[in-house]
Amino acid sequence: MNDDIERTGLDPALANLLDPGEAAPIALAELLRADTLLIDERKGRAVARARGLRIQGTLGLLVEARRAGVLGSLRAVLGDLANAGFRVSAPLMAEALRQVGEE
């Protein structure tokens, strides 16, 4: 798969809009016709949406996992992620916690 992207190169529009860390996953999602692209960066999300990709962020994925019973505590996971440098706005975090009943 990675070879396919390297052979064809990134779409110049992607390369001009985004850094390689955002552009490559979008290109791969398009190449694979992925159902969903996991991406958190605001600009990358906007470009992916504009290109017709269904996106989900880390926070949304964690909310789904908590609802499915895979996570015991979303708050604890978010604390661990924050300690590792993951950033999310306070209102967005509060909304995610509200959605899973951990206000």
N, C-alpha and C. Protein backbone atom coordinates (compact mmCIF):
# COMPACT_ATOMS: atom_id res chain seq x y z
N MET A 1 0.82 -1.18 0.00
CA MET A 1 0.00 0.00 0.00
C MET A 1 0.87 1.25 0.00
N ASN A 2 1.81 1.31 0.91
CA ASN A 2 2.69 2.46 0.98
C ASN A 2 3.44 2.61 -0.33
N ASP A 3 3.83 1.48 -0.95
CA ASP A 3 4.51 1.53 -2.24
C ASP A 3 3.61 2.15 -3.30
N ASP A 4 2.31 1.84 -3.26
CA ASP A 4 1.38 2.42 -4.22
C ASP A 4 1.36 3.94 -4.11
N ILE A 5 1.34 4.44 -2.89
CA ILE A 5 1.32 5.89 -2.70
C ILE A 5 2.64 6.49 -3.16
N GLU A 6 3.75 5.82 -2.82
CA GLU A 6 5.05 6.33 -3.23
C GLU A 6 5.18 6.34 -4.75
N ARG A 7 4.69 5.30 -5.42
CA ARG A 7 4.78 5.24 -6.88
C ARG A 7 3.95 6.33 -7.55
N THR A 8 2.74 6.51 -7.06
CA THR A 8 1.86 7.48 -7.70
C THR A 8 2.12 8.89 -7.20
N GLY A 9 2.71 9.03 -6.03
CA GLY A 9 2.95 10.35 -5.46
C GLY A 9 1.68 10.94 -4.90
N LEU A 10 1.86 11.94 -4.06
CA LEU A 10 0.71 12.60 -3.48
C LEU A 10 0.07 13.51 -4.50
N ASP A 11 -1.22 13.61 -4.43
CA ASP A 11 -1.96 14.58 -5.23
C ASP A 11 -1.35 15.95 -4.94
N PRO A 12 -0.95 16.69 -5.97
CA PRO A 12 -0.34 18.01 -5.73
C PRO A 12 -1.22 18.93 -4.90
N ALA A 13 -2.53 18.82 -5.05
CA ALA A 13 -3.43 19.65 -4.25
C ALA A 13 -3.26 19.34 -2.77
N LEU A 14 -3.13 18.06 -2.44
CA LEU A 14 -2.91 17.68 -1.04
C LEU A 14 -1.56 18.16 -0.56
N ALA A 15 -0.54 17.95 -1.38
CA ALA A 15 0.82 18.32 -1.00
C ALA A 15 0.94 19.83 -0.77
N ASN A 16 0.17 20.62 -1.51
CA ASN A 16 0.22 22.07 -1.35
C ASN A 16 -0.58 22.56 -0.15
N LEU A 17 -1.59 21.81 0.24
CA LEU A 17 -2.47 22.25 1.33
C LEU A 17 -2.02 21.78 2.71
N LEU A 18 -1.43 20.60 2.77
CA LEU A 18 -1.17 19.95 4.05
C LEU A 18 0.26 19.47 4.16
N ASP A 19 0.70 19.26 5.39
CA ASP A 19 2.02 18.64 5.56
C ASP A 19 1.88 17.15 5.28
N PRO A 20 2.99 16.46 5.04
CA PRO A 20 2.92 15.04 4.67
C PRO A 20 2.22 14.16 5.70
N GLY A 21 2.31 14.51 6.98
CA GLY A 21 1.65 13.72 8.02
C GLY A 21 0.14 13.76 7.95
N GLU A 22 -0.41 14.79 7.33
CA GLU A 22 -1.86 14.87 7.14
C GLU A 22 -2.24 14.41 5.74
N ALA A 23 -1.41 14.75 4.75
CA ALA A 23 -1.73 14.43 3.36
C ALA A 23 -1.67 12.93 3.08
N ALA A 24 -0.67 12.24 3.62
CA ALA A 24 -0.50 10.81 3.32
C ALA A 24 -1.69 9.97 3.78
N PRO A 25 -2.21 10.17 5.00
CA PRO A 25 -3.37 9.37 5.39
C PRO A 25 -4.60 9.63 4.52
N ILE A 26 -4.77 10.87 4.09
CA ILE A 26 -5.90 11.19 3.21
C ILE A 26 -5.72 10.47 1.88
N ALA A 27 -4.51 10.52 1.33
CA ALA A 27 -4.23 9.83 0.07
C ALA A 27 -4.44 8.33 0.22
N LEU A 28 -4.00 7.76 1.33
CA LEU A 28 -4.18 6.33 1.56
C LEU A 28 -5.66 5.97 1.69
N ALA A 29 -6.41 6.79 2.41
CA ALA A 29 -7.85 6.54 2.55
C ALA A 29 -8.54 6.56 1.19
N GLU A 30 -8.13 7.48 0.33
CA GLU A 30 -8.70 7.54 -1.01
C GLU A 30 -8.29 6.32 -1.83
N LEU A 31 -7.02 5.94 -1.75
CA LEU A 31 -6.51 4.80 -2.49
C LEU A 31 -7.23 3.51 -2.09
N LEU A 32 -7.45 3.35 -0.80
CA LEU A 32 -8.08 2.13 -0.27
C LEU A 32 -9.60 2.21 -0.28
N ARG A 33 -10.12 3.37 -0.63
CA ARG A 33 -11.57 3.61 -0.54
C ARG A 33 -12.06 3.26 0.87
N ALA A 34 -11.35 3.78 1.83
CA ALA A 34 -11.64 3.50 3.24
C ALA A 34 -13.02 4.01 3.63
N ASP A 35 -13.65 3.29 4.53
CA ASP A 35 -14.95 3.71 5.05
C ASP A 35 -14.82 4.98 5.89
N THR A 36 -13.77 5.04 6.70
CA THR A 36 -13.58 6.15 7.62
C THR A 36 -12.09 6.44 7.76
N LEU A 37 -11.77 7.72 7.88
CA LEU A 37 -10.40 8.17 8.11
C LEU A 37 -10.31 8.73 9.52
N LEU A 38 -9.39 8.21 10.31
CA LEU A 38 -9.15 8.73 11.65
C LEU A 38 -8.15 9.87 11.53
N ILE A 39 -8.60 11.10 11.82
CA ILE A 39 -7.74 12.28 11.69
C ILE A 39 -8.21 13.33 12.68
N ASP A 40 -7.26 13.99 13.33
CA ASP A 40 -7.61 14.97 14.36
C ASP A 40 -7.32 16.42 13.95
N GLU A 41 -6.32 16.64 13.14
CA GLU A 41 -5.94 18.01 12.80
C GLU A 41 -7.07 18.72 12.05
N ARG A 42 -7.39 19.92 12.50
CA ARG A 42 -8.53 20.67 11.96
C ARG A 42 -8.43 20.86 10.45
N LYS A 43 -7.28 21.30 9.97
CA LYS A 43 -7.13 21.55 8.53
C LYS A 43 -7.24 20.26 7.73
N GLY A 44 -6.62 19.20 8.22
CA GLY A 44 -6.70 17.90 7.55
C GLY A 44 -8.13 17.38 7.51
N ARG A 45 -8.88 17.59 8.59
CA ARG A 45 -10.28 17.15 8.63
C ARG A 45 -11.10 17.90 7.58
N ALA A 46 -10.86 19.20 7.47
CA ALA A 46 -11.61 20.01 6.50
C ALA A 46 -11.32 19.56 5.07
N VAL A 47 -10.05 19.30 4.78
CA VAL A 47 -9.67 18.85 3.44
C VAL A 47 -10.26 17.47 3.16
N ALA A 48 -10.19 16.57 4.13
CA ALA A 48 -10.74 15.22 3.94
C ALA A 48 -12.24 15.27 3.68
N ARG A 49 -12.95 16.09 4.45
CA ARG A 49 -14.40 16.24 4.24
C ARG A 49 -14.68 16.78 2.84
N ALA A 50 -13.91 17.80 2.44
CA ALA A 50 -14.11 18.41 1.12
C ALA A 50 -13.87 17.40 0.00
N ARG A 51 -13.04 16.40 0.26
CA ARG A 51 -12.75 15.37 -0.73
C ARG A 51 -13.72 14.20 -0.63
N GLY A 52 -14.72 14.33 0.22
CA GLY A 52 -15.77 13.32 0.31
C GLY A 52 -15.48 12.17 1.24
N LEU A 53 -14.46 12.29 2.07
CA LEU A 53 -14.14 11.21 3.01
C LEU A 53 -14.95 11.36 4.29
N ARG A 54 -15.33 10.23 4.84
CA ARG A 54 -15.97 10.21 6.16
C ARG A 54 -14.84 10.23 7.17
N ILE A 55 -14.92 11.13 8.12
CA ILE A 55 -13.83 11.24 9.10
C ILE A 55 -14.33 11.00 10.51
N GLN A 56 -13.39 10.66 11.35
CA GLN A 56 -13.65 10.55 12.78
C GLN A 56 -12.37 10.92 13.49
N GLY A 57 -12.51 11.60 14.60
CA GLY A 57 -11.35 11.97 15.40
C GLY A 57 -11.14 10.99 16.54
N THR A 58 -10.03 11.15 17.20
CA THR A 58 -9.70 10.28 18.33
C THR A 58 -10.78 10.36 19.41
N LEU A 59 -11.24 11.58 19.70
CA LEU A 59 -12.25 11.74 20.74
C LEU A 59 -13.54 11.01 20.39
N GLY A 60 -13.98 11.12 19.15
CA GLY A 60 -15.19 10.42 18.72
C GLY A 60 -15.03 8.91 18.80
N LEU A 61 -13.85 8.43 18.44
CA LEU A 61 -13.57 7.00 18.52
C LEU A 61 -13.62 6.52 19.98
N LEU A 62 -13.05 7.33 20.87
CA LEU A 62 -13.07 6.97 22.29
C LEU A 62 -14.48 6.99 22.87
N VAL A 63 -15.30 7.94 22.44
CA VAL A 63 -16.69 7.98 22.88
C VAL A 63 -17.40 6.70 22.44
N GLU A 64 -17.20 6.31 21.20
CA GLU A 64 -17.81 5.05 20.71
C GLU A 64 -17.33 3.85 21.51
N ALA A 65 -16.03 3.82 21.80
CA ALA A 65 -15.47 2.70 22.56
C ALA A 65 -16.05 2.65 23.97
N ARG A 66 -16.23 3.80 24.58
CA ARG A 66 -16.81 3.86 25.93
C ARG A 66 -18.26 3.38 25.91
N ARG A 67 -19.00 3.82 24.91
CA ARG A 67 -20.41 3.40 24.78
C ARG A 67 -20.52 1.89 24.55
N ALA A 68 -19.53 1.33 23.86
CA ALA A 68 -19.54 -0.11 23.57
C ALA A 68 -19.03 -0.94 24.74
N GLY A 69 -18.57 -0.26 25.80
CA GLY A 69 -18.07 -0.97 26.97
C GLY A 69 -16.63 -1.41 26.86
N VAL A 70 -15.92 -0.92 25.87
CA VAL A 70 -14.51 -1.28 25.69
C VAL A 70 -13.63 -0.50 26.66
N LEU A 71 -14.04 0.72 27.00
CA LEU A 71 -13.30 1.55 27.95
C LEU A 71 -14.07 1.61 29.26
N GLY A 72 -13.35 1.53 30.36
CA GLY A 72 -13.99 1.67 31.65
C GLY A 72 -14.28 3.12 31.99
N SER A 73 -13.37 4.02 31.65
CA SER A 73 -13.53 5.43 31.99
C SER A 73 -12.92 6.29 30.89
N LEU A 74 -13.77 7.05 30.24
CA LEU A 74 -13.27 7.98 29.23
C LEU A 74 -12.41 9.05 29.88
N ARG A 75 -12.81 9.52 31.03
CA ARG A 75 -12.05 10.56 31.74
C ARG A 75 -10.61 10.11 32.00
N ALA A 76 -10.44 8.87 32.42
CA ALA A 76 -9.09 8.36 32.70
C ALA A 76 -8.26 8.29 31.43
N VAL A 77 -8.85 7.83 30.34
CA VAL A 77 -8.12 7.74 29.07
C VAL A 77 -7.74 9.13 28.58
N LEU A 78 -8.67 10.08 28.71
CA LEU A 78 -8.36 11.45 28.29
C LEU A 78 -7.25 12.05 29.13
N GLY A 79 -7.22 11.73 30.41
CA GLY A 79 -6.13 12.18 31.27
C GLY A 79 -4.80 11.62 30.82
N ASP A 80 -4.78 10.34 30.49
CA ASP A 80 -3.55 9.71 29.99
C ASP A 80 -3.10 10.35 28.68
N LEU A 81 -4.06 10.60 27.80
CA LEU A 81 -3.72 11.23 26.52
C LEU A 81 -3.19 12.65 26.72
N ALA A 82 -3.80 13.40 27.63
CA ALA A 82 -3.33 14.76 27.92
C ALA A 82 -1.90 14.72 28.44
N ASN A 83 -1.60 13.75 29.30
CA ASN A 83 -0.23 13.61 29.82
C ASN A 83 0.76 13.27 28.71
N ALA A 84 0.26 12.65 27.64
CA ALA A 84 1.13 12.29 26.51
C ALA A 84 1.19 13.41 25.46
N GLY A 85 0.47 14.52 25.71
CA GLY A 85 0.54 15.65 24.78
C GLY A 85 -0.66 15.83 23.87
N PHE A 86 -1.67 14.98 23.99
CA PHE A 86 -2.88 15.13 23.18
C PHE A 86 -3.65 16.33 23.68
N ARG A 87 -4.04 17.20 22.74
CA ARG A 87 -4.76 18.41 23.13
C ARG A 87 -6.18 18.36 22.60
N VAL A 88 -7.10 18.78 23.45
CA VAL A 88 -8.51 18.90 23.08
C VAL A 88 -9.08 20.06 23.89
N SER A 89 -9.97 20.83 23.28
CA SER A 89 -10.54 21.98 23.98
C SER A 89 -11.40 21.51 25.15
N ALA A 90 -11.47 22.34 26.17
CA ALA A 90 -12.27 22.01 27.35
C ALA A 90 -13.74 21.81 27.00
N PRO A 91 -14.35 22.66 26.15
CA PRO A 91 -15.76 22.42 25.80
C PRO A 91 -15.97 21.09 25.07
N LEU A 92 -15.06 20.74 24.19
CA LEU A 92 -15.19 19.48 23.45
C LEU A 92 -15.03 18.29 24.40
N MET A 93 -14.09 18.39 25.32
CA MET A 93 -13.90 17.31 26.30
C MET A 93 -15.14 17.18 27.19
N ALA A 94 -15.68 18.31 27.62
CA ALA A 94 -16.87 18.27 28.47
C ALA A 94 -18.05 17.63 27.73
N GLU A 95 -18.20 17.95 26.46
CA GLU A 95 -19.28 17.36 25.66
C GLU A 95 -19.10 15.86 25.52
N ALA A 96 -17.88 15.41 25.27
CA ALA A 96 -17.62 13.97 25.14
C ALA A 96 -17.94 13.26 26.45
N LEU A 97 -17.52 13.84 27.56
CA LEU A 97 -17.80 13.23 28.86
C LEU A 97 -19.30 13.21 29.15
N ARG A 98 -20.00 14.27 28.76
CA ARG A 98 -21.45 14.32 28.93
C ARG A 98 -22.13 13.22 28.12
N GLN A 99 -21.64 13.00 26.90
CA GLN A 99 -22.25 11.99 26.03
C GLN A 99 -22.16 10.58 26.60
N VAL A 100 -21.15 10.34 27.42
CA VAL A 100 -21.01 8.99 28.01
C VAL A 100 -21.39 8.96 29.49
N GLY A 101 -21.98 10.05 29.97
CA GLY A 101 -22.45 10.08 31.36
C GLY A 101 -21.36 10.23 32.39
N GLU A 102 -20.24 10.85 32.02
CA GLU A 102 -19.15 11.07 32.97
C GLU A 102 -18.94 12.55 33.28
N GLU A 103 -20.03 13.33 33.30
CA GLU A 103 -19.90 14.77 33.55
C GLU A 103 -19.09 15.07 34.78
